[in-house]
Amino acid sequence: MIQRTISLPDREGFFLFGPRGTGKTTLLRQTLPAARTCFIDLLSPMEEDLFARHPEELEQRIAALPPDTEWVVIDEVQKVPRLLDVVHRQIENHGTRFVLTGSSGRKLRRGASNLLAGRVFMRHLHPFTSTELGASFNLDDALQYGTLPRVTQLTSAAEKADFLRTYALVYLKEEIIAEQLVRGVDPFRQFLEVAAQCNGRIVNFSRIAQDVGVDTKTVQSYFSILEDTLVGLLLPAFQRSVRKRQRANPKFYFFDPGVKRALDRTVAVPLVESTYAYADAFEHFLIVEIMRLASYHQPDWRFSYLCTKDDAEIDLIIERPGRALTLVEIKSASRVGEAETRALQRFVTDLQPCAAFCLSRDPHLKRIGAVTCLPWQEGLATLGLPE
């Protein structure tokens, strides 16, 4: 059993959000006392239909539970948002402790009057991190297939590729079509492939709209759906002013490299070192790895990227409360030198006070000008992201 890094509340109820297949239910069954926990699975069509028609069923079931019951778990609560009103009453009137899992906050916000603000905590579960996998972690596998729990259990490349293709189809069917999040399925299906091809690049909404054959506002709504269903994140452009930051076009990253490669139909194409594809995959992996670990250890950190009009770029800027601005450049090279740190050096003076790091596959610690160069795993710890 792989020990997850996430810290779950043990005395208060909480939401546990995460994309499908990240192991939310498995984690809860391993963590909560089975004999004193009631599980309700809304992925069961019969249960979903029953609770949708009769939300009072929840109160009636809870009333019949043994007195030593400690937790009530509702899996995929976004399937029946009306249950949140019942949950609210149960918390207020009886102090019932709930765990509410979900792979989307979109339907909850639209279909429920509240998200129980102040009454339950929020936690997010991600695919496995490199530190969770420990000795079994393989970088090339992570770049090629990602680290969803099921992927790490499969042994052959064909099985992993098949699973990821199926995952992409299930996402489209169950998260998008079944929940009626878009009017036309075909444009969204095409959008997914284009968005995957643009992964890690500055989003050009109008160009993507032309490629997909829809208007710009529709493309913007599509990206919002990807964020709301937790399969991707928009990384804003850095500005000293928050107002300016919100005006600049963001970058977009899918939550897992393997899912991205399934969506752009390259999951079966081998990644070769020293190619652009390998460099992009390494940057993608490390960006989401940093954000996963930060959500577990450093939830107050804020992330952005910087790109000037002449295309000088910093891959990641981290604002850590009470500490200097952190500039991070990511390189897949097995040996870094002045060429790999030149762009980063340009910004050090302009963004003072700051600390500059280059994270790579180079196994040696180096100092090049104002830039500290670190093996990527050691770099995570130096940033403040422990195991």
Protein backbone atom coordinates (compact mmCIF):
# COMPACT_ATOMS: atom_id res chain seq x y z
CA MET A 1 0.00 0.00 0.00
CA ILE A 2 1.35 3.42 -0.99
CA GLN A 3 1.19 5.99 1.80
CA ARG A 4 -0.48 9.17 0.56
CA THR A 5 0.99 12.55 1.53
CA ILE A 6 -2.32 14.34 1.99
CA SER A 7 -3.31 15.17 5.55
CA LEU A 8 -7.01 14.57 6.24
CA PRO A 9 -8.91 16.16 9.14
CA ASP A 10 -9.66 13.65 11.88
CA ARG A 11 -12.17 15.66 13.90
CA GLU A 12 -14.02 17.77 11.31
CA GLY A 13 -15.96 16.97 8.17
CA PHE A 14 -14.40 17.79 4.82
CA PHE A 15 -14.74 17.89 1.05
CA LEU A 16 -12.22 15.68 -0.77
CA PHE A 17 -11.96 16.86 -4.37
CA GLY A 18 -9.86 15.26 -7.07
CA PRO A 19 -10.06 14.06 -10.69
CA ARG A 20 -11.53 10.65 -11.37
CA GLY A 21 -9.11 7.83 -10.66
CA THR A 22 -6.87 9.60 -8.16
CA GLY A 23 -7.85 7.20 -5.38
CA LYS A 24 -10.27 9.23 -3.24
CA THR A 25 -12.49 6.30 -2.27
CA THR A 26 -9.53 3.97 -1.75
CA LEU A 27 -7.87 6.50 0.54
CA LEU A 28 -11.01 6.94 2.64
CA ARG A 29 -11.58 3.20 2.98
CA GLN A 30 -7.98 2.81 4.13
CA THR A 31 -8.20 5.75 6.54
CA LEU A 32 -11.67 5.76 8.12
CA PRO A 33 -12.81 3.00 10.52
CA ALA A 34 -14.92 0.67 8.36
CA ALA A 35 -17.23 -0.43 11.18
CA ARG A 36 -18.07 3.16 12.11
CA THR A 37 -18.37 4.67 8.62
CA CYS A 38 -21.41 4.77 6.34
CA PHE A 39 -20.55 4.93 2.59
CA ILE A 40 -23.03 6.22 0.02
CA ASP A 41 -21.88 5.85 -3.61
CA LEU A 42 -23.62 8.20 -6.04
CA LEU A 43 -21.77 6.61 -8.96
CA SER A 44 -24.38 3.86 -8.58
CA PRO A 45 -27.18 4.84 -10.99
CA MET A 46 -29.81 3.48 -8.60
CA GLU A 47 -28.47 5.44 -5.64
CA GLU A 48 -28.12 8.60 -7.70
CA ASP A 49 -31.71 8.32 -8.95
CA LEU A 50 -33.09 7.59 -5.49
CA PHE A 51 -31.36 10.52 -3.78
CA ALA A 52 -32.14 12.89 -6.65
CA ARG A 53 -35.86 12.15 -6.30
CA HIS A 54 -35.90 11.82 -2.52
CA PRO A 55 -33.06 13.78 -0.85
CA GLU A 56 -34.77 13.22 2.52
CA GLU A 57 -33.62 9.59 2.15
CA LEU A 58 -30.25 10.74 3.51
CA GLU A 59 -31.72 11.95 6.80
CA GLN A 60 -33.72 8.75 7.15
CA ARG A 61 -30.66 6.54 6.62
CA ILE A 62 -28.57 8.56 9.04
CA ALA A 63 -31.30 8.32 11.69
CA ALA A 64 -31.10 4.51 11.46
CA LEU A 65 -27.30 4.30 11.83
CA PRO A 66 -25.76 2.74 14.96
CA PRO A 67 -24.99 5.34 17.67
CA ASP A 68 -21.24 4.72 17.39
CA THR A 69 -21.16 5.78 13.69
CA GLU A 70 -18.43 8.42 13.28
CA TRP A 71 -18.51 9.32 9.58
CA VAL A 72 -20.92 9.52 6.66
CA VAL A 73 -19.15 9.44 3.28
CA ILE A 74 -20.99 10.58 0.15
CA ASP A 75 -19.00 9.66 -2.96
CA GLU A 76 -19.25 12.00 -5.98
CA VAL A 77 -21.65 14.36 -4.25
CA GLN A 78 -21.85 16.62 -7.33
CA LYS A 79 -24.17 14.01 -8.83
CA VAL A 80 -26.93 15.24 -6.48
CA PRO A 81 -26.15 18.81 -5.38
CA ARG A 82 -29.46 19.09 -3.50
CA LEU A 83 -28.01 16.77 -0.85
CA LEU A 84 -25.86 19.64 0.41
CA ASP A 85 -28.93 21.25 1.95
CA VAL A 86 -29.62 18.02 3.82
CA VAL A 87 -25.98 17.78 4.85
CA HIS A 88 -26.15 21.35 6.12
CA ARG A 89 -29.16 20.55 8.32
CA GLN A 90 -27.53 17.40 9.66
CA ILE A 91 -24.37 19.27 10.62
CA GLU A 92 -26.27 22.11 12.25
CA ASN A 93 -28.85 20.00 14.08
CA HIS A 94 -26.98 16.81 14.88
CA GLY A 95 -23.26 17.48 14.42
CA THR A 96 -22.95 14.69 11.85
CA ARG A 97 -19.45 14.41 10.40
CA PHE A 98 -19.46 14.11 6.62
CA VAL A 99 -16.81 13.39 4.02
CA LEU A 100 -18.01 14.57 0.61
CA THR A 101 -15.95 13.51 -2.39
CA GLY A 102 -16.20 15.00 -5.85
CA SER A 103 -14.50 15.30 -9.20
CA SER A 104 -16.18 18.60 -10.09
CA GLY A 105 -17.24 21.69 -8.22
CA ARG A 106 -19.10 23.10 -11.23
CA LYS A 107 -22.43 21.39 -10.72
CA LEU A 108 -22.26 21.90 -6.96
CA ARG A 109 -21.93 25.65 -7.36
CA ARG A 110 -24.76 25.78 -9.88
CA GLY A 111 -27.14 23.36 -8.22
CA ALA A 112 -26.71 24.02 -4.50
CA SER A 113 -27.28 27.07 -2.39
CA ASN A 114 -23.98 26.76 -0.58
CA LEU A 115 -20.77 24.80 -0.35
CA LEU A 116 -21.02 24.57 3.44
CA ALA A 117 -18.53 27.40 3.88
CA GLY A 118 -16.98 27.27 7.33
CA ARG A 119 -18.67 23.97 8.18
CA VAL A 120 -16.38 21.53 6.39
CA PHE A 121 -12.74 21.77 5.36
CA MET A 122 -11.43 21.44 1.80
CA ARG A 123 -8.83 18.94 0.63
CA HIS A 124 -7.60 18.00 -2.88
CA LEU A 125 -6.17 14.64 -3.91
CA HIS A 126 -3.87 14.35 -6.91
CA PRO A 127 -2.25 11.50 -8.85
CA PHE A 128 0.74 9.95 -7.10
CA THR A 129 3.71 12.23 -6.51
CA SER A 130 7.29 11.06 -7.01
CA THR A 131 7.81 11.11 -3.24
CA GLU A 132 4.75 8.91 -2.64
CA LEU A 133 5.98 6.36 -5.18
CA GLY A 134 9.46 6.41 -3.65
CA ALA A 135 11.78 3.69 -4.94
CA SER A 136 9.20 2.53 -7.48
CA PHE A 137 9.11 5.94 -9.18
CA ASN A 138 10.42 5.97 -12.75
CA LEU A 139 10.82 9.36 -14.41
CA ASP A 140 10.46 8.16 -18.00
CA ASP A 141 7.28 6.26 -17.12
CA ALA A 142 5.88 9.36 -15.41
CA LEU A 143 6.60 11.49 -18.47
CA GLN A 144 5.11 8.95 -20.86
CA TYR A 145 2.11 7.68 -18.89
CA GLY A 146 1.65 9.95 -15.86
CA THR A 147 1.08 8.73 -12.31
CA LEU A 148 -2.61 7.94 -11.93
CA PRO A 149 -2.80 5.06 -9.42
CA ARG A 150 -4.19 2.57 -11.94
CA VAL A 151 -1.43 3.37 -14.44
CA THR A 152 1.25 2.62 -11.87
CA GLN A 153 -0.28 -0.83 -11.28
CA LEU A 154 -0.14 -1.86 -14.95
CA THR A 155 3.00 -3.47 -16.30
CA SER A 156 2.94 -3.25 -20.09
CA ALA A 157 3.09 -0.16 -22.27
CA ALA A 158 0.05 -1.35 -24.24
CA GLU A 159 -2.04 -1.72 -21.07
CA LYS A 160 -1.07 1.74 -19.87
CA ALA A 161 -1.88 3.32 -23.22
CA ASP A 162 -5.24 1.52 -23.38
CA PHE A 163 -6.16 2.63 -19.87
CA LEU A 164 -5.35 6.27 -20.61
CA ARG A 165 -7.35 6.26 -23.85
CA THR A 166 -10.29 4.79 -21.94
CA TYR A 167 -9.86 7.35 -19.16
CA ALA A 168 -10.12 10.16 -21.71
CA LEU A 169 -13.29 8.65 -23.19
CA VAL A 170 -14.85 8.11 -19.75
CA TYR A 171 -14.11 11.73 -18.85
CA LEU A 172 -15.88 12.91 -22.00
CA LYS A 173 -18.84 10.58 -21.43
CA GLU A 174 -19.39 10.86 -17.68
CA GLU A 175 -18.12 14.34 -16.79
CA ILE A 176 -19.15 16.25 -19.91
CA ILE A 177 -21.96 14.48 -21.77
CA ALA A 178 -23.79 13.00 -18.77
CA GLU A 179 -23.64 16.28 -16.85
CA GLN A 180 -24.65 18.28 -19.96
CA LEU A 181 -21.85 20.78 -19.50
CA VAL A 182 -21.66 21.63 -23.21
CA ARG A 183 -24.26 21.98 -25.94
CA GLY A 184 -22.28 20.37 -28.72
CA VAL A 185 -20.12 17.34 -27.95
CA ASP A 186 -18.16 17.26 -31.22
CA PRO A 187 -16.64 20.77 -30.88
CA PHE A 188 -15.65 19.99 -27.29
CA ARG A 189 -14.10 16.68 -28.32
CA GLN A 190 -12.02 18.53 -30.92
CA PHE A 191 -11.19 21.21 -28.37
CA LEU A 192 -9.76 18.60 -25.99
CA GLU A 193 -7.25 17.47 -28.62
CA VAL A 194 -6.26 21.02 -29.52
CA ALA A 195 -5.93 21.99 -25.83
CA ALA A 196 -3.68 18.98 -25.26
CA GLN A 197 -1.51 20.01 -28.21
CA CYS A 198 -1.22 23.50 -26.65
CA ASN A 199 -0.39 22.17 -23.19
CA GLY A 200 2.24 24.33 -21.44
CA ARG A 201 1.95 27.17 -23.94
CA ILE A 202 0.40 30.61 -23.60
CA VAL A 203 -3.29 30.23 -24.44
CA ASN A 204 -4.41 31.98 -27.61
CA PHE A 205 -8.17 31.78 -27.20
CA SER A 206 -9.03 33.23 -30.61
CA ARG A 207 -6.68 30.90 -32.52
CA ILE A 208 -8.05 27.85 -30.71
CA ALA A 209 -11.58 29.07 -31.50
CA GLN A 210 -10.68 29.16 -35.19
CA ASP A 211 -9.22 25.64 -35.03
CA VAL A 212 -12.29 24.24 -33.29
CA GLY A 213 -14.89 26.24 -35.22
CA VAL A 214 -16.53 28.02 -32.29
CA ASP A 215 -16.38 31.56 -30.92
CA THR A 216 -13.79 32.81 -28.42
CA LYS A 217 -16.22 32.96 -25.49
CA THR A 218 -17.08 29.31 -26.04
CA VAL A 219 -13.39 28.36 -25.92
CA GLN A 220 -12.99 30.33 -22.69
CA SER A 221 -15.96 28.45 -21.25
CA TYR A 222 -14.38 25.15 -22.34
CA PHE A 223 -11.21 25.97 -20.40
CA SER A 224 -13.37 26.82 -17.39
CA ILE A 225 -14.95 23.38 -17.67
CA LEU A 226 -11.52 21.74 -17.66
CA GLU A 227 -10.62 23.67 -14.50
CA ASP A 228 -13.96 22.97 -12.82
CA THR A 229 -13.74 19.24 -13.56
CA LEU A 230 -10.17 19.28 -12.19
CA VAL A 231 -8.44 17.96 -15.31
CA GLY A 232 -6.41 21.10 -15.87
CA LEU A 233 -5.25 24.40 -14.48
CA LEU A 234 -4.59 27.86 -15.87
CA LEU A 235 -1.25 29.33 -14.83
CA PRO A 236 -1.51 33.15 -14.83
CA ALA A 237 1.12 35.55 -16.14
CA PHE A 238 3.18 37.27 -13.47
CA GLN A 239 2.79 40.96 -12.85
CA ARG A 240 3.58 43.06 -9.81
CA SER A 241 -0.06 44.17 -9.95
CA VAL A 242 -2.78 41.58 -9.50
CA ARG A 243 -4.98 43.63 -11.82
CA LYS A 244 -2.41 43.36 -14.61
CA ARG A 245 -1.89 39.67 -13.91
CA GLN A 246 -5.53 38.94 -14.55
CA ARG A 247 -5.46 40.70 -17.94
CA ALA A 248 -2.59 38.67 -19.42
CA ASN A 249 -3.20 35.36 -21.20
CA PRO A 250 -2.45 32.34 -19.03
CA LYS A 251 -0.75 29.05 -19.79
CA PHE A 252 -2.72 25.83 -19.46
CA TYR A 253 -1.55 22.48 -18.07
CA PHE A 254 -3.46 19.22 -17.89
CA PHE A 255 -3.37 17.65 -14.44
CA ASP A 256 -1.45 14.57 -15.58
CA PRO A 257 1.09 14.04 -18.40
CA GLY A 258 -0.38 10.67 -19.38
CA VAL A 259 -3.91 12.05 -19.75
CA LYS A 260 -2.55 14.91 -21.86
CA ARG A 261 -0.78 12.43 -24.16
CA ALA A 262 -3.94 10.33 -24.48
CA LEU A 263 -5.96 13.39 -25.47
CA ASP A 264 -3.50 14.50 -28.17
CA ARG A 265 -3.12 10.90 -29.41
CA THR A 266 0.61 10.59 -28.67
CA VAL A 267 0.44 8.20 -25.70
CA ALA A 268 1.88 5.33 -27.75
CA VAL A 269 4.67 7.48 -29.25
CA PRO A 270 7.93 6.90 -27.33
CA LEU A 271 9.56 9.93 -25.71
CA VAL A 272 13.20 10.31 -26.67
CA GLU A 273 15.73 12.26 -24.65
CA SER A 274 17.10 15.50 -26.11
CA THR A 275 13.95 16.13 -28.15
CA TYR A 276 11.47 19.00 -27.81
CA ALA A 277 8.74 16.52 -26.89
CA TYR A 278 10.82 15.13 -24.02
CA ALA A 279 11.67 18.65 -22.80
CA ASP A 280 7.98 19.65 -22.88
CA ALA A 281 6.97 16.49 -21.02
CA PHE A 282 9.62 17.06 -18.34
CA GLU A 283 8.52 20.66 -17.83
CA HIS A 284 4.86 19.56 -17.67
CA PHE A 285 5.64 16.84 -15.14
CA LEU A 286 7.66 19.12 -12.87
CA ILE A 287 5.15 21.98 -12.98
CA VAL A 288 2.28 19.74 -11.85
CA GLU A 289 4.54 17.91 -9.37
CA ILE A 290 5.42 21.19 -7.67
CA MET A 291 1.78 22.21 -7.54
CA ARG A 292 0.66 18.84 -6.18
CA LEU A 293 3.21 18.92 -3.38
CA ALA A 294 2.44 22.57 -2.64
CA SER A 295 -1.27 21.81 -2.26
CA TYR A 296 -0.33 19.23 0.40
CA HIS A 297 2.41 21.18 2.19
CA GLN A 298 2.23 24.86 1.18
CA PRO A 299 -1.37 25.77 0.25
CA ASP A 300 -0.73 29.53 0.53
CA TRP A 301 1.85 29.61 -2.27
CA ARG A 302 0.89 31.40 -5.47
CA PHE A 303 2.16 30.43 -8.92
CA SER A 304 2.62 32.22 -12.24
CA TYR A 305 4.93 32.39 -15.24
CA LEU A 306 6.69 35.31 -16.91
CA CYS A 307 7.16 35.95 -20.60
CA THR A 308 8.36 39.25 -22.12
CA LYS A 309 7.49 40.68 -25.52
CA ASP A 310 10.82 39.41 -26.85
CA ASP A 311 9.95 35.87 -25.60
CA ALA A 312 12.35 35.76 -22.66
CA GLU A 313 10.62 33.45 -20.23
CA ILE A 314 10.63 32.06 -16.71
CA ASP A 315 8.81 28.73 -16.44
CA LEU A 316 7.51 29.23 -12.92
CA ILE A 317 7.41 32.06 -10.40
CA ILE A 318 6.49 31.13 -6.84
CA GLU A 319 5.31 33.68 -4.34
CA ARG A 320 5.93 32.26 -0.87
CA PRO A 321 4.51 34.38 1.99
CA GLY A 322 7.28 35.96 4.06
CA ARG A 323 10.03 34.90 1.64
CA ALA A 324 11.74 36.31 -1.43
CA LEU A 325 10.22 35.79 -4.85
CA THR A 326 11.30 32.42 -6.28
CA LEU A 327 12.19 32.05 -9.98
CA VAL A 328 12.30 28.51 -11.35
CA GLU A 329 13.61 27.42 -14.73
CA ILE A 330 13.05 23.78 -15.74
CA LYS A 331 15.46 21.99 -18.07
CA SER A 332 15.43 18.35 -19.12
CA ALA A 333 19.18 18.41 -19.85
CA SER A 334 21.40 15.91 -18.07
CA ARG A 335 24.08 18.61 -17.86
CA VAL A 336 23.30 22.30 -17.36
CA GLY A 337 25.59 25.23 -18.03
CA GLU A 338 25.45 28.94 -18.78
CA ALA A 339 23.27 28.39 -21.87
CA GLU A 340 20.51 26.85 -19.75
CA THR A 341 20.57 29.64 -17.14
CA ARG A 342 21.10 32.67 -19.39
CA ALA A 343 17.42 33.63 -19.63
CA LEU A 344 16.96 33.31 -15.90
CA GLN A 345 19.99 35.50 -15.20
CA ARG A 346 18.33 38.36 -17.10
CA PHE A 347 15.48 38.61 -14.62
CA VAL A 348 17.36 38.33 -11.34
CA THR A 349 18.28 42.02 -11.17
CA ASP A 350 14.86 43.25 -12.29
CA LEU A 351 12.89 41.12 -9.82
CA GLN A 352 14.93 41.66 -6.66
CA PRO A 353 14.63 40.51 -3.97
CA CYS A 354 14.43 37.02 -5.45
CA ALA A 355 16.02 33.58 -5.47
CA ALA A 356 16.70 31.85 -8.80
CA PHE A 357 16.80 28.09 -9.34
CA CYS A 358 17.32 25.80 -12.32
CA LEU A 359 15.89 22.30 -11.81
CA SER A 360 17.06 19.61 -14.21
CA ARG A 361 18.21 16.02 -14.65
CA ASP A 362 21.80 17.08 -14.01
CA PRO A 363 22.85 15.07 -10.92
CA HIS A 364 25.28 17.75 -9.69
CA LEU A 365 24.65 20.80 -7.54
CA LYS A 366 26.05 23.96 -9.23
CA ARG A 367 26.09 27.72 -8.86
CA ILE A 368 26.12 29.65 -12.14
CA GLY A 369 26.08 33.39 -11.53
CA ALA A 370 23.02 34.14 -9.42
CA VAL A 371 21.34 30.84 -10.28
CA THR A 372 21.43 27.76 -8.07
CA CYS A 373 21.27 24.62 -10.23
CA LEU A 374 19.88 21.51 -8.57
CA PRO A 375 18.87 17.96 -9.46
CA TRP A 376 15.09 18.25 -9.70
CA GLN A 377 14.28 16.04 -6.70
CA GLU A 378 16.73 17.89 -4.48
CA GLY A 379 15.30 21.11 -5.85
CA LEU A 380 11.82 20.22 -4.62
CA ALA A 381 13.14 19.86 -1.07
CA THR A 382 15.11 23.10 -1.35
CA LEU A 383 11.97 24.95 -2.40
CA GLY A 384 10.26 23.71 0.76
CA LEU A 385 8.38 20.69 -0.58
CA PRO A 386 9.37 17.76 1.67
CA GLU A 387 8.31 14.14 1.31
